[in-house]
Amino acid sequence: MSTVTIAAIAGSRRLRQIKTRERLFEAAVAQFGVAGMAAADLGEIAAAAGVARATFYFHFPNKEHILLALADREEAAIAQSLRSSVSAPRDLATSLARTIDLVLALESRFGTALFRDLMSERFMSDRRSQRWPQCPVVAAVAAIIESSAAQRKIPAHQSAMFFVDGLYGLLAVTGEARQLRHAVLDSYLLTTVRSLEAR
């Protein structure tokens, strides 16, 4: 067998693995959307992806890894959207409100159960200590704070961590209490903006 043939076979195998992983990922996200990650059944996820249950473990150590991968993917998209809006002149309140809206849009896309899991995921101790300071949403919010005319000698990254941390926490605990959530988020936004205003 020639080197070219071996390379072609290896490339084909790798492509199949990538496609299988993506099918498993999508099937898991759909299952998580129904009742949340904890209640999702690995057998049903594998069946929906058209693979054996053991194949799941070849691609993902456990369900939490799928949730982490989804969180990373969505946070990167939110951060990209926020970064593109930093160049447009906006006041701090409008920019932080946009952050809230982008995060809330995840609930419309994924459903309440999965949204709650995504918000709660950031509070898992091992994840928090290792990766939270590098969260792309935190970095994007820090850039917003730095570019804000209201910002005066405020540690932008630390302020962004407090804002995003608090936002995710509030969204994780307010759940389906929509009226309460909106009132709390309005108050949270106002308090945050006032704390960052020049004195």
N, C-alpha and C. Protein backbone atom coordinates (compact mmCIF):
# COMPACT_ATOMS: atom_id res chain seq x y z
N MET A 1 0.85 -1.17 0.00
CA MET A 1 0.00 0.00 0.00
C MET A 1 0.90 1.24 0.00
N SER A 2 0.57 2.18 -0.85
CA SER A 2 1.41 3.37 -0.97
C SER A 2 1.16 4.36 0.17
N THR A 3 2.09 5.25 0.36
CA THR A 3 1.99 6.28 1.39
C THR A 3 0.78 7.17 1.14
N VAL A 4 0.51 7.46 -0.13
CA VAL A 4 -0.64 8.30 -0.49
C VAL A 4 -1.94 7.60 -0.09
N THR A 5 -2.05 6.30 -0.33
CA THR A 5 -3.25 5.54 0.02
C THR A 5 -3.44 5.50 1.54
N ILE A 6 -2.36 5.28 2.27
CA ILE A 6 -2.45 5.26 3.74
C ILE A 6 -2.91 6.61 4.27
N ALA A 7 -2.35 7.68 3.71
CA ALA A 7 -2.74 9.03 4.13
C ALA A 7 -4.22 9.29 3.82
N ALA A 8 -4.67 8.83 2.66
CA ALA A 8 -6.07 9.02 2.28
C ALA A 8 -7.01 8.26 3.22
N ILE A 9 -6.63 7.04 3.57
CA ILE A 9 -7.45 6.24 4.51
C ILE A 9 -7.49 6.91 5.88
N ALA A 10 -6.34 7.37 6.35
CA ALA A 10 -6.28 8.04 7.65
C ALA A 10 -7.11 9.31 7.64
N GLY A 11 -7.04 10.07 6.55
CA GLY A 11 -7.83 11.30 6.44
C GLY A 11 -9.32 11.01 6.42
N SER A 12 -9.71 9.95 5.71
CA SER A 12 -11.11 9.55 5.65
C SER A 12 -11.62 9.11 7.02
N ARG A 13 -10.80 8.36 7.74
CA ARG A 13 -11.16 7.89 9.08
C ARG A 13 -11.33 9.09 10.02
N ARG A 14 -10.41 10.05 9.93
CA ARG A 14 -10.48 11.23 10.80
C ARG A 14 -11.73 12.05 10.50
N LEU A 15 -12.09 12.16 9.24
CA LEU A 15 -13.29 12.90 8.85
C LEU A 15 -14.53 12.21 9.41
N ARG A 16 -14.58 10.88 9.36
CA ARG A 16 -15.72 10.13 9.93
C ARG A 16 -15.80 10.37 11.44
N GLN A 17 -14.65 10.37 12.11
CA GLN A 17 -14.63 10.61 13.55
C GLN A 17 -15.17 12.00 13.89
N ILE A 18 -14.78 12.98 13.13
CA ILE A 18 -15.25 14.35 13.36
C ILE A 18 -16.76 14.43 13.17
N LYS A 19 -17.25 13.79 12.11
CA LYS A 19 -18.70 13.80 11.86
C LYS A 19 -19.47 13.06 12.95
N THR A 20 -18.92 11.94 13.42
CA THR A 20 -19.57 11.18 14.50
C THR A 20 -19.60 12.01 15.78
N ARG A 21 -18.49 12.63 16.09
CA ARG A 21 -18.42 13.48 17.29
C ARG A 21 -19.46 14.60 17.21
N GLU A 22 -19.59 15.22 16.06
CA GLU A 22 -20.56 16.31 15.90
C GLU A 22 -21.99 15.78 16.02
N ARG A 23 -22.27 14.59 15.47
CA ARG A 23 -23.61 14.01 15.63
C ARG A 23 -23.93 13.73 17.10
N LEU A 24 -22.95 13.19 17.81
CA LEU A 24 -23.12 12.94 19.25
C LEU A 24 -23.35 14.25 20.01
N PHE A 25 -22.57 15.25 19.66
CA PHE A 25 -22.70 16.56 20.30
C PHE A 25 -24.11 17.12 20.09
N GLU A 26 -24.56 17.11 18.84
CA GLU A 26 -25.89 17.65 18.52
C GLU A 26 -27.00 16.84 19.19
N ALA A 27 -26.87 15.52 19.20
CA ALA A 27 -27.87 14.67 19.84
C ALA A 27 -27.91 14.94 21.35
N ALA A 28 -26.75 15.12 21.96
CA ALA A 28 -26.69 15.41 23.40
C ALA A 28 -27.31 16.76 23.71
N VAL A 29 -27.00 17.76 22.91
CA VAL A 29 -27.58 19.09 23.13
C VAL A 29 -29.10 19.03 23.03
N ALA A 30 -29.61 18.28 22.06
CA ALA A 30 -31.06 18.12 21.93
C ALA A 30 -31.64 17.44 23.17
N GLN A 31 -31.00 16.39 23.66
CA GLN A 31 -31.46 15.70 24.88
C GLN A 31 -31.39 16.61 26.09
N PHE A 32 -30.30 17.37 26.22
CA PHE A 32 -30.15 18.29 27.35
C PHE A 32 -31.26 19.33 27.33
N GLY A 33 -31.67 19.74 26.13
CA GLY A 33 -32.71 20.75 26.00
C GLY A 33 -34.06 20.29 26.50
N VAL A 34 -34.28 18.98 26.51
CA VAL A 34 -35.57 18.44 26.96
C VAL A 34 -35.70 18.48 28.48
N ALA A 35 -34.69 17.98 29.19
CA ALA A 35 -34.83 17.88 30.64
C ALA A 35 -33.57 18.26 31.40
N GLY A 36 -32.58 18.77 30.71
CA GLY A 36 -31.33 19.12 31.37
C GLY A 36 -30.30 18.02 31.23
N MET A 37 -29.06 18.38 31.53
CA MET A 37 -27.96 17.44 31.36
C MET A 37 -28.08 16.23 32.28
N ALA A 38 -28.39 16.44 33.54
CA ALA A 38 -28.40 15.34 34.52
C ALA A 38 -29.41 14.25 34.13
N ALA A 39 -30.55 14.64 33.58
CA ALA A 39 -31.58 13.66 33.25
C ALA A 39 -31.40 13.03 31.87
N ALA A 40 -30.49 13.56 31.08
CA ALA A 40 -30.28 13.02 29.72
C ALA A 40 -29.69 11.61 29.81
N ASP A 41 -30.17 10.74 28.94
CA ASP A 41 -29.75 9.35 28.92
C ASP A 41 -28.72 9.13 27.81
N LEU A 42 -27.56 8.58 28.19
CA LEU A 42 -26.49 8.35 27.21
C LEU A 42 -26.90 7.38 26.12
N GLY A 43 -27.69 6.37 26.48
CA GLY A 43 -28.17 5.41 25.48
C GLY A 43 -29.02 6.09 24.43
N GLU A 44 -29.89 7.00 24.85
CA GLU A 44 -30.74 7.73 23.90
C GLU A 44 -29.91 8.67 23.04
N ILE A 45 -28.90 9.28 23.65
CA ILE A 45 -28.01 10.17 22.88
C ILE A 45 -27.30 9.37 21.79
N ALA A 46 -26.73 8.23 22.16
CA ALA A 46 -26.02 7.40 21.19
C ALA A 46 -26.97 6.91 20.10
N ALA A 47 -28.16 6.48 20.48
CA ALA A 47 -29.12 6.00 19.49
C ALA A 47 -29.51 7.12 18.52
N ALA A 48 -29.73 8.32 19.05
CA ALA A 48 -30.10 9.45 18.19
C ALA A 48 -28.97 9.80 17.22
N ALA A 49 -27.73 9.57 17.65
CA ALA A 49 -26.57 9.83 16.78
C ALA A 49 -26.28 8.67 15.85
N GLY A 50 -26.97 7.53 16.04
CA GLY A 50 -26.77 6.37 15.18
C GLY A 50 -25.49 5.60 15.47
N VAL A 51 -25.07 5.60 16.74
CA VAL A 51 -23.84 4.89 17.12
C VAL A 51 -24.10 4.05 18.37
N ALA A 52 -23.16 3.17 18.68
CA ALA A 52 -23.25 2.39 19.92
C ALA A 52 -22.91 3.27 21.11
N ARG A 53 -23.43 2.91 22.27
CA ARG A 53 -23.18 3.68 23.48
C ARG A 53 -21.68 3.82 23.77
N ALA A 54 -20.91 2.77 23.52
CA ALA A 54 -19.46 2.81 23.76
C ALA A 54 -18.78 3.87 22.90
N THR A 55 -19.34 4.17 21.74
CA THR A 55 -18.77 5.19 20.86
C THR A 55 -18.83 6.57 21.52
N PHE A 56 -19.86 6.79 22.33
CA PHE A 56 -19.96 8.06 23.06
C PHE A 56 -18.68 8.29 23.86
N TYR A 57 -18.25 7.27 24.59
CA TYR A 57 -17.09 7.40 25.47
C TYR A 57 -15.78 7.54 24.70
N PHE A 58 -15.76 7.11 23.47
CA PHE A 58 -14.57 7.33 22.63
C PHE A 58 -14.40 8.82 22.35
N HIS A 59 -15.52 9.53 22.24
CA HIS A 59 -15.48 10.95 21.88
C HIS A 59 -15.57 11.89 23.07
N PHE A 60 -16.29 11.49 24.11
CA PHE A 60 -16.49 12.35 25.28
C PHE A 60 -16.37 11.51 26.55
N PRO A 61 -15.61 11.95 27.55
CA PRO A 61 -15.49 11.19 28.79
C PRO A 61 -16.82 11.08 29.54
N ASN A 62 -17.66 12.14 29.44
CA ASN A 62 -18.94 12.14 30.13
C ASN A 62 -19.83 13.27 29.57
N LYS A 63 -21.04 13.36 30.08
CA LYS A 63 -21.98 14.37 29.60
C LYS A 63 -21.50 15.79 29.90
N GLU A 64 -20.80 15.97 31.02
CA GLU A 64 -20.33 17.30 31.40
C GLU A 64 -19.40 17.90 30.35
N HIS A 65 -18.62 17.04 29.68
CA HIS A 65 -17.71 17.55 28.65
C HIS A 65 -18.48 18.14 27.47
N ILE A 66 -19.63 17.60 27.19
CA ILE A 66 -20.45 18.17 26.12
C ILE A 66 -20.98 19.52 26.56
N LEU A 67 -21.44 19.61 27.80
CA LEU A 67 -21.93 20.88 28.32
C LEU A 67 -20.82 21.94 28.29
N LEU A 68 -19.61 21.56 28.68
CA LEU A 68 -18.48 22.49 28.66
C LEU A 68 -18.17 22.93 27.24
N ALA A 69 -18.20 21.99 26.30
CA ALA A 69 -17.92 22.33 24.90
C ALA A 69 -18.99 23.28 24.36
N LEU A 70 -20.24 23.05 24.73
CA LEU A 70 -21.33 23.93 24.30
C LEU A 70 -21.15 25.31 24.91
N ALA A 71 -20.83 25.37 26.20
CA ALA A 71 -20.62 26.65 26.86
C ALA A 71 -19.48 27.42 26.19
N ASP A 72 -18.39 26.74 25.90
CA ASP A 72 -17.26 27.39 25.23
C ASP A 72 -17.66 27.93 23.86
N ARG A 73 -18.39 27.13 23.11
CA ARG A 73 -18.82 27.53 21.76
C ARG A 73 -19.72 28.76 21.82
N GLU A 74 -20.68 28.73 22.72
CA GLU A 74 -21.64 29.84 22.81
C GLU A 74 -20.99 31.10 23.37
N GLU A 75 -20.10 30.94 24.34
CA GLU A 75 -19.42 32.12 24.89
C GLU A 75 -18.51 32.76 23.85
N ALA A 76 -17.88 31.97 23.02
CA ALA A 76 -17.05 32.52 21.94
C ALA A 76 -17.91 33.33 20.97
N ALA A 77 -19.11 32.84 20.66
CA ALA A 77 -20.00 33.56 19.75
C ALA A 77 -20.49 34.86 20.38
N ILE A 78 -20.85 34.81 21.67
CA ILE A 78 -21.29 36.03 22.37
C ILE A 78 -20.16 37.04 22.40
N ALA A 79 -18.97 36.58 22.74
CA ALA A 79 -17.81 37.48 22.82
C ALA A 79 -17.53 38.12 21.46
N GLN A 80 -17.63 37.35 20.39
CA GLN A 80 -17.41 37.90 19.05
C GLN A 80 -18.42 38.99 18.74
N SER A 81 -19.67 38.75 19.09
CA SER A 81 -20.71 39.74 18.87
C SER A 81 -20.45 41.01 19.69
N LEU A 82 -20.01 40.83 20.93
CA LEU A 82 -19.70 41.99 21.77
C LEU A 82 -18.49 42.75 21.24
N ARG A 83 -17.47 42.03 20.80
CA ARG A 83 -16.27 42.69 20.28
C ARG A 83 -16.60 43.54 19.05
N SER A 84 -17.48 43.04 18.21
CA SER A 84 -17.83 43.79 17.01
C SER A 84 -18.62 45.05 17.36
N SER A 85 -19.27 45.05 18.52
CA SER A 85 -20.04 46.23 18.90
C SER A 85 -19.22 47.25 19.68
N VAL A 86 -18.01 46.88 20.12
CA VAL A 86 -17.19 47.81 20.88
C VAL A 86 -16.76 48.99 20.02
N SER A 87 -16.53 48.75 18.72
CA SER A 87 -16.09 49.82 17.84
C SER A 87 -17.17 50.89 17.64
N ALA A 88 -18.44 50.50 17.75
CA ALA A 88 -19.52 51.47 17.62
C ALA A 88 -19.67 52.23 18.93
N PRO A 89 -19.76 53.55 18.87
CA PRO A 89 -19.88 54.31 20.13
C PRO A 89 -21.22 54.04 20.82
N ARG A 90 -21.13 53.49 22.01
CA ARG A 90 -22.33 53.21 22.81
C ARG A 90 -22.00 53.55 24.25
N ASP A 91 -23.02 53.89 25.01
CA ASP A 91 -22.75 54.11 26.42
C ASP A 91 -22.64 52.77 27.14
N LEU A 92 -22.10 52.82 28.34
CA LEU A 92 -21.83 51.60 29.10
C LEU A 92 -23.11 50.82 29.37
N ALA A 93 -24.18 51.51 29.76
CA ALA A 93 -25.44 50.83 30.07
C ALA A 93 -25.97 50.07 28.86
N THR A 94 -25.92 50.68 27.70
CA THR A 94 -26.40 50.03 26.47
C THR A 94 -25.56 48.80 26.14
N SER A 95 -24.25 48.92 26.29
CA SER A 95 -23.36 47.80 25.98
C SER A 95 -23.54 46.64 26.95
N LEU A 96 -23.68 46.94 28.24
CA LEU A 96 -23.90 45.87 29.22
C LEU A 96 -25.29 45.26 29.05
N ALA A 97 -26.28 46.07 28.69
CA ALA A 97 -27.62 45.53 28.42
C ALA A 97 -27.58 44.59 27.22
N ARG A 98 -26.75 44.91 26.24
CA ARG A 98 -26.59 44.02 25.07
C ARG A 98 -25.99 42.69 25.51
N THR A 99 -25.04 42.74 26.42
CA THR A 99 -24.46 41.50 26.96
C THR A 99 -25.55 40.63 27.58
N ILE A 100 -26.39 41.24 28.39
CA ILE A 100 -27.49 40.52 29.03
C ILE A 100 -28.40 39.91 27.97
N ASP A 101 -28.75 40.70 26.96
CA ASP A 101 -29.65 40.21 25.90
C ASP A 101 -29.05 39.02 25.14
N LEU A 102 -27.75 39.11 24.85
CA LEU A 102 -27.10 38.01 24.13
C LEU A 102 -27.09 36.72 24.95
N VAL A 103 -26.86 36.85 26.25
CA VAL A 103 -26.87 35.66 27.11
C VAL A 103 -28.29 35.12 27.23
N LEU A 104 -29.27 36.00 27.40
CA LEU A 104 -30.66 35.56 27.50
C LEU A 104 -31.15 34.88 26.23
N ALA A 105 -30.61 35.27 25.09
CA ALA A 105 -31.02 34.65 23.81
C ALA A 105 -30.71 33.16 23.78
N LEU A 106 -29.75 32.73 24.59
CA LEU A 106 -29.44 31.29 24.65
C LEU A 106 -30.64 30.50 25.16
N GLU A 107 -31.41 31.08 26.06
CA GLU A 107 -32.57 30.36 26.60
C GLU A 107 -33.61 30.11 25.52
N SER A 108 -33.79 31.09 24.63
CA SER A 108 -34.74 30.90 23.53
C SER A 108 -34.28 29.80 22.59
N ARG A 109 -32.96 29.70 22.39
CA ARG A 109 -32.42 28.70 21.48
C ARG A 109 -32.40 27.31 22.08
N PHE A 110 -32.09 27.20 23.37
CA PHE A 110 -31.84 25.88 23.96
C PHE A 110 -32.90 25.41 24.95
N GLY A 111 -33.78 26.27 25.38
CA GLY A 111 -34.79 25.88 26.37
C GLY A 111 -34.30 26.15 27.79
N THR A 112 -35.26 26.17 28.70
CA THR A 112 -34.98 26.55 30.08
C THR A 112 -34.03 25.59 30.79
N ALA A 113 -34.22 24.30 30.63
CA ALA A 113 -33.40 23.32 31.36
C ALA A 113 -31.93 23.41 30.96
N LEU A 114 -31.66 23.43 29.67
CA LEU A 114 -30.28 23.51 29.21
C LEU A 114 -29.68 24.88 29.53
N PHE A 115 -30.47 25.93 29.42
CA PHE A 115 -29.99 27.27 29.75
C PHE A 115 -29.54 27.33 31.21
N ARG A 116 -30.34 26.77 32.09
CA ARG A 116 -29.99 26.75 33.52
C ARG A 116 -28.70 25.97 33.74
N ASP A 117 -28.55 24.86 33.04
CA ASP A 117 -27.31 24.08 33.13
C ASP A 117 -26.10 24.91 32.65
N LEU A 118 -26.28 25.63 31.55
CA LEU A 118 -25.19 26.45 31.02
C LEU A 118 -24.79 27.55 31.99
N MET A 119 -25.78 28.19 32.61
CA MET A 119 -25.47 29.25 33.57
C MET A 119 -24.82 28.68 34.83
N SER A 120 -25.29 27.54 35.28
CA SER A 120 -24.75 26.91 36.48
C SER A 120 -23.36 26.33 36.26
N GLU A 121 -23.08 25.96 35.03
CA GLU A 121 -21.80 25.31 34.70
C GLU A 121 -20.60 26.14 35.14
N ARG A 122 -20.70 27.42 35.07
CA ARG A 122 -19.58 28.29 35.42
C ARG A 122 -19.24 28.27 36.90
N PHE A 123 -20.13 27.70 37.70
CA PHE A 123 -19.88 27.67 39.14
C PHE A 123 -19.33 26.34 39.62
N MET A 124 -19.08 25.40 38.67
CA MET A 124 -18.43 24.15 39.04
C MET A 124 -17.00 24.47 39.45
N SER A 125 -16.56 23.99 40.60
CA SER A 125 -15.31 24.44 41.19
C SER A 125 -14.09 24.23 40.30
N ASP A 126 -13.95 23.06 39.68
CA ASP A 126 -12.75 22.83 38.87
C ASP A 126 -12.75 23.71 37.62
N ARG A 127 -13.89 23.87 37.02
CA ARG A 127 -14.00 24.70 35.83
C ARG A 127 -13.71 26.16 36.17
N ARG A 128 -14.28 26.61 37.25
CA ARG A 128 -14.17 28.00 37.66
C ARG A 128 -12.71 28.39 37.91
N SER A 129 -12.01 27.58 38.65
CA SER A 129 -10.63 27.92 39.01
C SER A 129 -9.69 27.86 37.81
N GLN A 130 -9.95 26.96 36.88
CA GLN A 130 -9.04 26.77 35.76
C GLN A 130 -9.29 27.72 34.60
N ARG A 131 -10.54 27.98 34.27
CA ARG A 131 -10.81 28.65 33.01
C ARG A 131 -11.62 29.93 33.11
N TRP A 132 -12.26 30.16 34.21
CA TRP A 132 -13.13 31.33 34.32
C TRP A 132 -12.41 32.64 34.05
N PRO A 133 -11.19 32.85 34.57
CA PRO A 133 -10.53 34.13 34.29
C PRO A 133 -10.28 34.37 32.81
N GLN A 134 -10.22 33.31 32.00
CA GLN A 134 -10.00 33.47 30.57
C GLN A 134 -11.30 33.42 29.76
N CYS A 135 -12.42 33.47 30.42
CA CYS A 135 -13.72 33.41 29.74
C CYS A 135 -13.80 34.50 28.67
N PRO A 136 -14.13 34.14 27.42
CA PRO A 136 -14.18 35.15 26.36
C PRO A 136 -15.23 36.23 26.59
N VAL A 137 -16.32 35.90 27.27
CA VAL A 137 -17.33 36.93 27.56
C VAL A 137 -16.76 37.94 28.55
N VAL A 138 -16.02 37.45 29.55
CA VAL A 138 -15.38 38.36 30.51
C VAL A 138 -14.42 39.28 29.77
N ALA A 139 -13.62 38.74 28.88
CA ALA A 139 -12.66 39.56 28.13
C ALA A 139 -13.37 40.61 27.28
N ALA A 140 -14.47 40.23 26.65
CA ALA A 140 -15.22 41.17 25.82
C ALA A 140 -15.86 42.26 26.67
N VAL A 141 -16.40 41.90 27.83
CA VAL A 141 -17.00 42.89 28.73
C VAL A 141 -15.90 43.82 29.27
N ALA A 142 -14.73 43.27 29.56
CA ALA A 142 -13.61 44.11 30.02
C ALA A 142 -13.26 45.15 28.95
N ALA A 143 -13.28 44.74 27.68
CA ALA A 143 -13.00 45.68 26.59
C ALA A 143 -14.07 46.77 26.53
N ILE A 144 -15.31 46.40 26.78
CA ILE A 144 -16.40 47.38 26.80
C ILE A 144 -16.17 48.38 27.92
N ILE A 145 -15.83 47.88 29.09
CA ILE A 145 -15.60 48.76 30.24
C ILE A 145 -14.41 49.69 29.96
N GLU A 146 -13.35 49.14 29.40
CA GLU A 146 -12.17 49.95 29.09
C GLU A 146 -12.47 51.03 28.06
N SER A 147 -13.32 50.74 27.10
CA SER A 147 -13.62 51.71 26.05
C SER A 147 -14.69 52.72 26.47
N SER A 148 -15.32 52.46 27.59
CA SER A 148 -16.40 53.33 28.05
C SER A 148 -15.85 54.67 28.53
N ALA A 149 -16.52 55.72 28.16
CA ALA A 149 -16.12 57.05 28.64
C ALA A 149 -16.31 57.18 30.14
N ALA A 150 -17.17 56.35 30.70
CA ALA A 150 -17.45 56.43 32.13
C ALA A 150 -16.36 55.77 32.96
N GLN A 151 -15.54 54.95 32.33
CA GLN A 151 -14.52 54.19 33.06
C GLN A 151 -13.38 55.09 33.47
N ARG A 152 -13.05 55.07 34.76
CA ARG A 152 -11.96 55.88 35.28
C ARG A 152 -11.17 55.07 36.30
N LYS A 153 -9.99 54.62 35.91
CA LYS A 153 -9.09 53.91 36.82
C LYS A 153 -9.78 52.75 37.54
N ILE A 154 -10.56 52.02 36.80
CA ILE A 154 -11.26 50.86 37.34
C ILE A 154 -10.60 49.63 36.74
N PRO A 155 -10.30 48.61 37.56
CA PRO A 155 -9.74 47.38 36.97
C PRO A 155 -10.79 46.70 36.10
N ALA A 156 -10.67 46.89 34.79
CA ALA A 156 -11.71 46.46 33.86
C ALA A 156 -11.94 44.96 33.89
N HIS A 157 -10.87 44.16 33.90
CA HIS A 157 -11.05 42.71 33.87
C HIS A 157 -11.75 42.22 35.14
N GLN A 158 -11.33 42.74 36.28
CA GLN A 158 -11.97 42.33 37.54
C GLN A 158 -13.44 42.77 37.56
N SER A 159 -13.71 43.98 37.10
CA SER A 159 -15.10 44.45 37.05
C SER A 159 -15.93 43.59 36.10
N ALA A 160 -15.32 43.21 34.98
CA ALA A 160 -16.03 42.35 34.03
C ALA A 160 -16.31 40.98 34.64
N MET A 161 -15.35 40.43 35.39
CA MET A 161 -15.57 39.14 36.05
C MET A 161 -16.73 39.24 37.03
N PHE A 162 -16.78 40.31 37.81
CA PHE A 162 -17.88 40.49 38.75
C PHE A 162 -19.22 40.57 38.01
N PHE A 163 -19.23 41.34 36.92
CA PHE A 163 -20.48 41.51 36.17
C PHE A 163 -20.96 40.19 35.58
N VAL A 164 -20.09 39.50 34.86
CA VAL A 164 -20.50 38.26 34.20
C VAL A 164 -20.82 37.17 35.23
N ASP A 165 -20.01 37.09 36.27
CA ASP A 165 -20.26 36.13 37.35
C ASP A 165 -21.65 36.36 37.96
N GLY A 166 -21.92 37.60 38.28
CA GLY A 166 -23.23 37.94 38.86
C GLY A 166 -24.37 37.68 37.90
N LEU A 167 -24.16 38.02 36.63
CA LEU A 167 -25.20 37.79 35.61
C LEU A 167 -25.54 36.32 35.51
N TYR A 168 -24.52 35.46 35.35
CA TYR A 168 -24.77 34.03 35.24
C TYR A 168 -25.43 33.48 36.51
N GLY A 169 -24.98 33.96 37.65
CA GLY A 169 -25.58 33.51 38.91
C GLY A 169 -27.04 33.88 39.01
N LEU A 170 -27.37 35.11 38.67
CA LEU A 170 -28.77 35.56 38.72
C LEU A 170 -29.63 34.76 37.75
N LEU A 171 -29.10 34.51 36.56
CA LEU A 171 -29.88 33.74 35.57
C LEU A 171 -30.04 32.29 35.99
N ALA A 172 -29.05 31.75 36.68
CA ALA A 172 -29.14 30.36 37.13
C ALA A 172 -30.21 30.20 38.21
N VAL A 173 -30.36 31.20 39.07
CA VAL A 173 -31.29 31.04 40.20
C VAL A 173 -32.69 31.60 39.95
N THR A 174 -32.85 32.51 39.00
CA THR A 174 -34.19 33.06 38.78
C THR A 174 -35.06 32.15 37.93
N GLY A 175 -34.44 31.26 37.17
CA GLY A 175 -35.19 30.23 36.45
C GLY A 175 -36.38 30.74 35.68
N GLU A 176 -37.53 30.19 36.00
CA GLU A 176 -38.74 30.50 35.25
C GLU A 176 -39.52 31.68 35.81
N ALA A 177 -39.03 32.33 36.83
CA ALA A 177 -39.69 33.50 37.41
C ALA A 177 -39.37 34.72 36.55
N ARG A 178 -40.04 34.84 35.41
CA ARG A 178 -39.70 35.86 34.41
C ARG A 178 -39.83 37.28 34.94
N GLN A 179 -40.92 37.56 35.63
CA GLN A 179 -41.12 38.92 36.14
C GLN A 179 -40.03 39.29 37.13
N LEU A 180 -39.73 38.38 38.04
CA LEU A 180 -38.68 38.60 39.01
C LEU A 180 -37.34 38.76 38.30
N ARG A 181 -37.09 37.92 37.32
CA ARG A 181 -35.82 37.97 36.60
C ARG A 181 -35.60 39.34 35.97
N HIS A 182 -36.62 39.85 35.27
CA HIS A 182 -36.46 41.14 34.60
C HIS A 182 -36.23 42.27 35.59
N ALA A 183 -36.95 42.25 36.70
CA ALA A 183 -36.75 43.27 37.73
C ALA A 183 -35.35 43.19 38.32
N VAL A 184 -34.91 41.97 38.62
CA VAL A 184 -33.57 41.78 39.19
C VAL A 184 -32.50 42.20 38.19
N LEU A 185 -32.65 41.83 36.92
CA LEU A 185 -31.65 42.19 35.92
C LEU A 185 -31.59 43.70 35.69
N ASP A 186 -32.76 44.35 35.69
CA ASP A 186 -32.77 45.82 35.55
C ASP A 186 -32.02 46.47 36.70
N SER A 187 -32.28 46.00 37.90
CA SER A 187 -31.61 46.53 39.08
C SER A 187 -30.11 46.23 39.04
N TYR A 188 -29.77 45.04 38.61
CA TYR A 188 -28.37 44.64 38.53
C TYR A 188 -27.61 45.51 37.53
N LEU A 189 -28.22 45.75 36.38
CA LEU A 189 -27.59 46.59 35.37
C LEU A 189 -27.38 48.01 35.89
N LEU A 190 -28.40 48.57 36.49
CA LEU A 190 -28.30 49.93 37.03
C LEU A 190 -27.21 50.03 38.10
N THR A 191 -27.18 49.06 39.00
CA THR A 191 -26.17 49.05 40.07
C THR A 191 -24.77 48.92 39.49
N THR A 192 -24.61 48.05 38.50
CA THR A 192 -23.30 47.86 37.88
C THR A 192 -22.82 49.14 37.20
N VAL A 193 -23.69 49.76 36.42
CA VAL A 193 -23.31 50.98 35.70
C VAL A 193 -22.94 52.08 36.70
N ARG A 194 -23.73 52.23 37.75
CA ARG A 194 -23.42 53.26 38.75
C ARG A 194 -22.08 53.00 39.43
N SER A 195 -21.78 51.73 39.67
CA SER A 195 -20.51 51.40 40.33
C SER A 195 -19.30 51.69 39.45
N LEU A 196 -19.52 51.73 38.13
CA LEU A 196 -18.42 51.97 37.20
C LEU A 196 -18.32 53.42 36.74
N GLU A 197 -19.30 54.23 37.13
CA GLU A 197 -19.28 55.63 36.71
C GLU A 197 -18.17 56.40 37.40
N ALA A 198 -17.66 57.39 36.71
CA ALA A 198 -16.65 58.27 37.29
C ALA A 198 -17.23 59.01 38.48
N ARG A 199 -16.44 59.17 39.52
CA ARG A 199 -16.91 59.89 40.71
C ARG A 199 -16.13 61.17 40.90
